[in-house]
Protein backbone atom coordinates (compact mmCIF):
# COMPACT_ATOMS: atom_id res chain seq x y z
CA UNK A 1 -14.69 -39.44 150.82
CA UNK A 2 -11.66 -41.15 151.23
CA UNK A 3 -9.60 -38.92 152.93
CA UNK A 4 -12.42 -38.80 155.77
CA UNK A 5 -12.14 -42.50 155.98
CA UNK A 6 -8.20 -42.28 156.09
CA UNK A 7 -8.36 -39.57 159.12
CA UNK A 8 -11.11 -40.97 160.72
CA UNK A 9 -9.23 -44.55 161.08
CA UNK A 10 -6.32 -42.98 162.14
CA UNK A 11 -7.61 -41.20 164.57
CA UNK A 12 -9.26 -43.92 166.75
CA UNK A 13 -6.14 -46.06 166.09
CA UNK A 14 -4.62 -42.83 168.35
CA UNK A 15 -7.51 -42.97 170.44
CA UNK A 16 -7.09 -46.54 170.91
CA UNK A 17 -3.97 -46.20 173.43
CA UNK A 18 -5.86 -43.80 175.68
CA UNK A 19 -7.87 -45.04 178.95
CA UNK A 20 -10.52 -43.04 178.03
CA UNK A 21 -11.95 -43.57 174.73
CA UNK A 22 -13.16 -47.41 173.52
CA UNK A 23 -12.40 -48.20 170.06
CA UNK A 24 -15.55 -50.32 167.66
CA UNK A 25 -14.83 -51.34 164.95
CA UNK A 26 -18.01 -53.90 162.94
CA UNK A 27 -19.13 -54.87 159.53
CA UNK A 28 -22.99 -54.81 158.71
CA UNK A 29 -25.09 -56.43 155.82
CA UNK A 30 -28.90 -55.56 155.20
CA UNK A 31 -31.00 -53.52 152.22
CA UNK A 32 -31.56 -50.43 150.82
CA UNK A 33 -34.44 -48.38 149.58
CA UNK A 34 -33.87 -45.66 147.12
CA UNK A 35 -36.46 -43.87 146.01
CA UNK A 36 -35.38 -40.81 143.60
CA UNK A 37 -37.53 -38.09 142.24
CA UNK A 38 -36.75 -36.04 139.15
CA UNK A 39 -38.73 -32.24 139.03
CA UNK A 40 -40.56 -30.94 136.26
CA UNK A 41 -38.63 -29.33 133.63
CA UNK A 42 -39.42 -27.74 129.64
CA UNK A 43 -37.15 -28.75 127.24
CA UNK A 44 -37.68 -26.36 123.56
CA UNK A 45 -41.07 -26.87 123.57
CA UNK A 46 -41.83 -30.03 125.46
CA UNK A 47 -42.73 -29.77 129.12
CA UNK A 48 -41.90 -32.43 131.50
CA UNK A 49 -43.46 -33.99 134.29
CA UNK A 50 -42.05 -34.87 137.55
CA UNK A 51 -41.61 -38.56 137.95
CA UNK A 52 -40.43 -40.75 141.11
CA UNK A 53 -38.88 -44.58 140.46
CA UNK A 54 -37.63 -46.82 143.56
CA UNK A 55 -34.93 -49.54 143.74
CA UNK A 56 -34.47 -51.94 146.97
CA UNK A 57 -30.79 -54.17 146.62
CA UNK A 58 -29.00 -55.61 149.41
CA UNK A 59 -25.54 -54.11 150.43
CA UNK A 60 -22.52 -55.06 152.89
CA UNK A 61 -20.66 -51.83 155.16
CA UNK A 62 -17.91 -51.53 157.67
CA UNK A 63 -17.94 -49.33 160.34
CA UNK A 64 -15.90 -48.06 163.52
CA UNK A 65 -17.18 -45.74 166.37
CA UNK A 66 -14.33 -43.76 168.50
CA UNK A 67 -16.50 -43.31 172.65
CA UNK A 68 -16.17 -39.83 173.93
CA UNK A 69 -14.93 -40.58 177.21
CA UNK A 70 -18.65 -41.52 179.58
CA UNK A 71 -20.96 -39.43 178.19
CA UNK A 72 -22.63 -42.11 176.36
CA UNK A 73 -21.90 -40.44 172.82
CA UNK A 74 -20.09 -42.10 170.09
CA UNK A 75 -18.16 -40.61 167.02
CA UNK A 76 -18.07 -42.83 163.75
CA UNK A 77 -17.63 -43.75 160.23
CA UNK A 78 -19.34 -46.53 157.79
CA UNK A 79 -18.11 -47.17 153.67
CA UNK A 80 -19.43 -49.16 151.56
CA UNK A 81 -17.27 -51.13 149.50
CA UNK A 82 -19.06 -51.33 146.58
CA UNK A 83 -20.46 -49.32 143.50
CA UNK A 84 -23.47 -48.93 141.64
CA UNK A 85 -24.98 -47.75 138.39
CA UNK A 86 -28.89 -45.69 139.20
CA UNK A 87 -30.95 -44.76 136.51
CA UNK A 88 -33.98 -42.62 137.14
CA UNK A 89 -35.40 -43.69 134.00
CA UNK A 90 -35.47 -47.29 133.63
CA UNK A 91 -33.58 -47.37 130.61
CA UNK A 92 -31.03 -49.35 131.85
CA UNK A 93 -26.60 -48.28 131.74
CA UNK A 94 -27.08 -46.56 129.03
CA UNK A 95 -28.60 -43.82 130.64
CA UNK A 96 -27.12 -43.84 134.37
CA UNK A 97 -24.16 -42.92 136.03
CA UNK A 98 -22.16 -44.72 138.30
CA UNK A 99 -21.75 -44.24 142.46
CA UNK A 100 -19.23 -45.49 144.60
CA UNK A 101 -17.16 -44.62 148.28
CA UNK A 102 -20.83 -43.95 149.73
CA UNK A 103 -19.66 -42.71 153.38
CA UNK A 104 -21.12 -41.22 156.44
CA UNK A 105 -19.81 -39.92 159.63
CA UNK A 106 -21.83 -39.73 162.34
CA UNK A 107 -22.76 -39.28 165.97
CA UNK A 108 -24.71 -42.17 168.20
CA UNK A 109 -25.66 -41.84 171.75
CA UNK A 110 -26.19 -45.26 173.18
CA UNK A 111 -29.11 -45.81 176.55
CA UNK A 112 -29.04 -48.71 178.58
CA UNK A 113 -31.96 -50.59 178.55
CA UNK A 114 -32.66 -53.49 180.42
CA UNK A 115 -30.64 -56.71 177.82
CA UNK A 116 -29.84 -54.39 175.30
CA UNK A 117 -28.67 -50.53 174.76
CA UNK A 118 -30.95 -49.03 172.01
CA UNK A 119 -28.82 -45.97 170.60
CA UNK A 120 -30.14 -43.28 168.53
CA UNK A 121 -27.67 -41.51 165.67
CA UNK A 122 -27.39 -38.47 163.07
CA UNK A 123 -24.63 -38.28 159.99
CA UNK A 124 -23.92 -36.86 157.25
CA UNK A 125 -23.63 -39.51 153.85
CA UNK A 126 -21.96 -38.58 150.96
CA UNK A 127 -20.61 -41.10 147.57
CA UNK A 128 -18.90 -39.55 144.70
CA UNK A 129 -20.89 -39.46 141.07
CA UNK A 130 -19.34 -40.74 138.05
CA UNK A 131 -19.46 -39.44 135.01
CA UNK A 132 -23.01 -39.18 133.36
CA UNK A 133 -23.95 -41.57 130.51
CA UNK A 134 -26.55 -40.29 128.34
CA UNK A 135 -28.70 -41.60 125.06
CA UNK A 136 -27.07 -40.98 121.54
CA UNK A 137 -27.71 -36.94 120.80
CA UNK A 138 -27.18 -35.91 124.22
CA UNK A 139 -24.57 -33.62 125.71
CA UNK A 140 -23.79 -33.20 128.93
CA UNK A 141 -22.40 -29.52 129.64
CA UNK A 142 -22.29 -30.26 133.94
CA UNK A 143 -23.44 -32.05 136.66
CA UNK A 144 -22.90 -32.68 140.67
CA UNK A 145 -20.10 -34.66 141.62
CA UNK A 146 -21.78 -35.64 145.18
CA UNK A 147 -24.29 -37.90 146.18
CA UNK A 148 -24.99 -36.32 149.57
CA UNK A 149 -27.61 -35.57 151.97
CA UNK A 150 -28.73 -35.73 156.41
CA UNK A 151 -28.60 -39.26 157.55
CA UNK A 152 -30.66 -40.07 160.91
CA UNK A 153 -31.18 -43.81 162.23
CA UNK A 154 -31.89 -45.61 165.60
CA UNK A 155 -31.51 -49.26 166.94
CA UNK A 156 -30.45 -51.63 169.49
CA UNK A 157 -27.92 -53.64 170.55
CA UNK A 158 -26.76 -56.99 172.06
CA UNK A 159 -25.17 -57.64 175.50
CA UNK A 160 -22.02 -59.15 174.70
CA UNK A 161 -21.47 -62.25 173.61
CA UNK A 162 -19.08 -65.14 174.95
CA UNK A 163 -16.23 -64.14 171.85
CA UNK A 164 -17.01 -60.56 172.87
CA UNK A 165 -18.83 -59.50 169.38
CA UNK A 166 -21.55 -57.32 169.92
CA UNK A 167 -24.88 -57.36 167.60
CA UNK A 168 -26.56 -54.16 165.78
CA UNK A 169 -30.13 -54.33 164.42
CA UNK A 170 -30.70 -50.58 162.76
CA UNK A 171 -32.91 -48.85 160.59
CA UNK A 172 -31.79 -45.40 158.97
CA UNK A 173 -33.43 -42.66 156.58
CA UNK A 174 -31.27 -40.69 154.41
CA UNK A 175 -32.27 -37.22 152.90
CA UNK A 176 -30.68 -37.02 149.65
CA UNK A 177 -29.75 -33.42 148.25
CA UNK A 178 -30.95 -31.83 144.71
CA UNK A 179 -28.23 -33.71 142.24
CA UNK A 180 -28.20 -31.72 139.00
CA UNK A 181 -26.83 -32.44 135.25
CA UNK A 182 -27.40 -29.63 132.68
CA UNK A 183 -27.91 -30.97 129.29
CA UNK A 184 -28.77 -30.48 125.21
CA UNK A 185 -31.78 -31.51 125.14
CA UNK A 186 -35.22 -30.83 121.86
CA UNK A 187 -33.25 -28.48 120.86
CA UNK A 188 -32.00 -26.52 123.52
CA UNK A 189 -28.68 -25.81 124.46
CA UNK A 190 -28.91 -26.03 128.58
CA UNK A 191 -31.60 -27.70 130.04
CA UNK A 192 -31.30 -27.82 133.91
CA UNK A 193 -32.52 -31.36 135.17
CA UNK A 194 -33.09 -32.07 139.18
CA UNK A 195 -33.11 -34.86 141.24
CA UNK A 196 -33.66 -35.75 144.45
CA UNK A 197 -33.96 -38.88 147.13
CA UNK A 198 -34.62 -40.60 149.99
CA UNK A 199 -32.72 -44.09 151.39
CA UNK A 200 -34.21 -46.10 153.61
CA UNK A 201 -31.84 -49.11 154.53
CA UNK A 202 -32.40 -51.89 157.60
CA UNK A 203 -29.49 -53.58 158.46
CA UNK A 204 -27.90 -56.22 160.75
CA UNK A 205 -24.55 -55.97 162.73
CA UNK A 206 -21.83 -57.37 164.37
CA UNK A 207 -18.72 -55.53 166.03
CA UNK A 208 -16.08 -55.74 168.59
CA UNK A 209 -14.56 -52.91 170.72
CA UNK A 210 -10.31 -52.85 171.61
């Protein structure tokens, strides 16, 4: 994911010297609501039902976009320079995994609508999952290393302010793919545990074109 960020910003710098493309960079802050669902599984003679949990938190991100000539389309990348410990069972950091380098590559279509512009965006998000921490007596045999999923979003962008900045208000939804961990559990040498999630964000951003 770090390579993707470096590649995009290098490409943005190259395009910024062209008369056909603008580069926009900005920051955004807001709230994210993550809901995770673990699927039912059996360990030894014990059957465990599907469970769900949710957590909301404030976060910040930086982003950059390159306009694709005069099509209304832009290609962009967004990066969250924060990490988080995620746990579905509510037991805190003793049974959790650290997630970092959350990055989204996307396409955005902007449409003029009076005093403001409205836009839609679609992209793909990915983050790195660190080693899962477990309770005593449980061993992780294998695990997913990435958290990823399809993102869709919509928002509106203000007219340019006197200082050249524009504001954005945005809502996004990300459907997070299955993540898995295979563990020892209740006498079983290999139990596959699977979970997925949904992330909804509401953010306000400021950006500037170059």
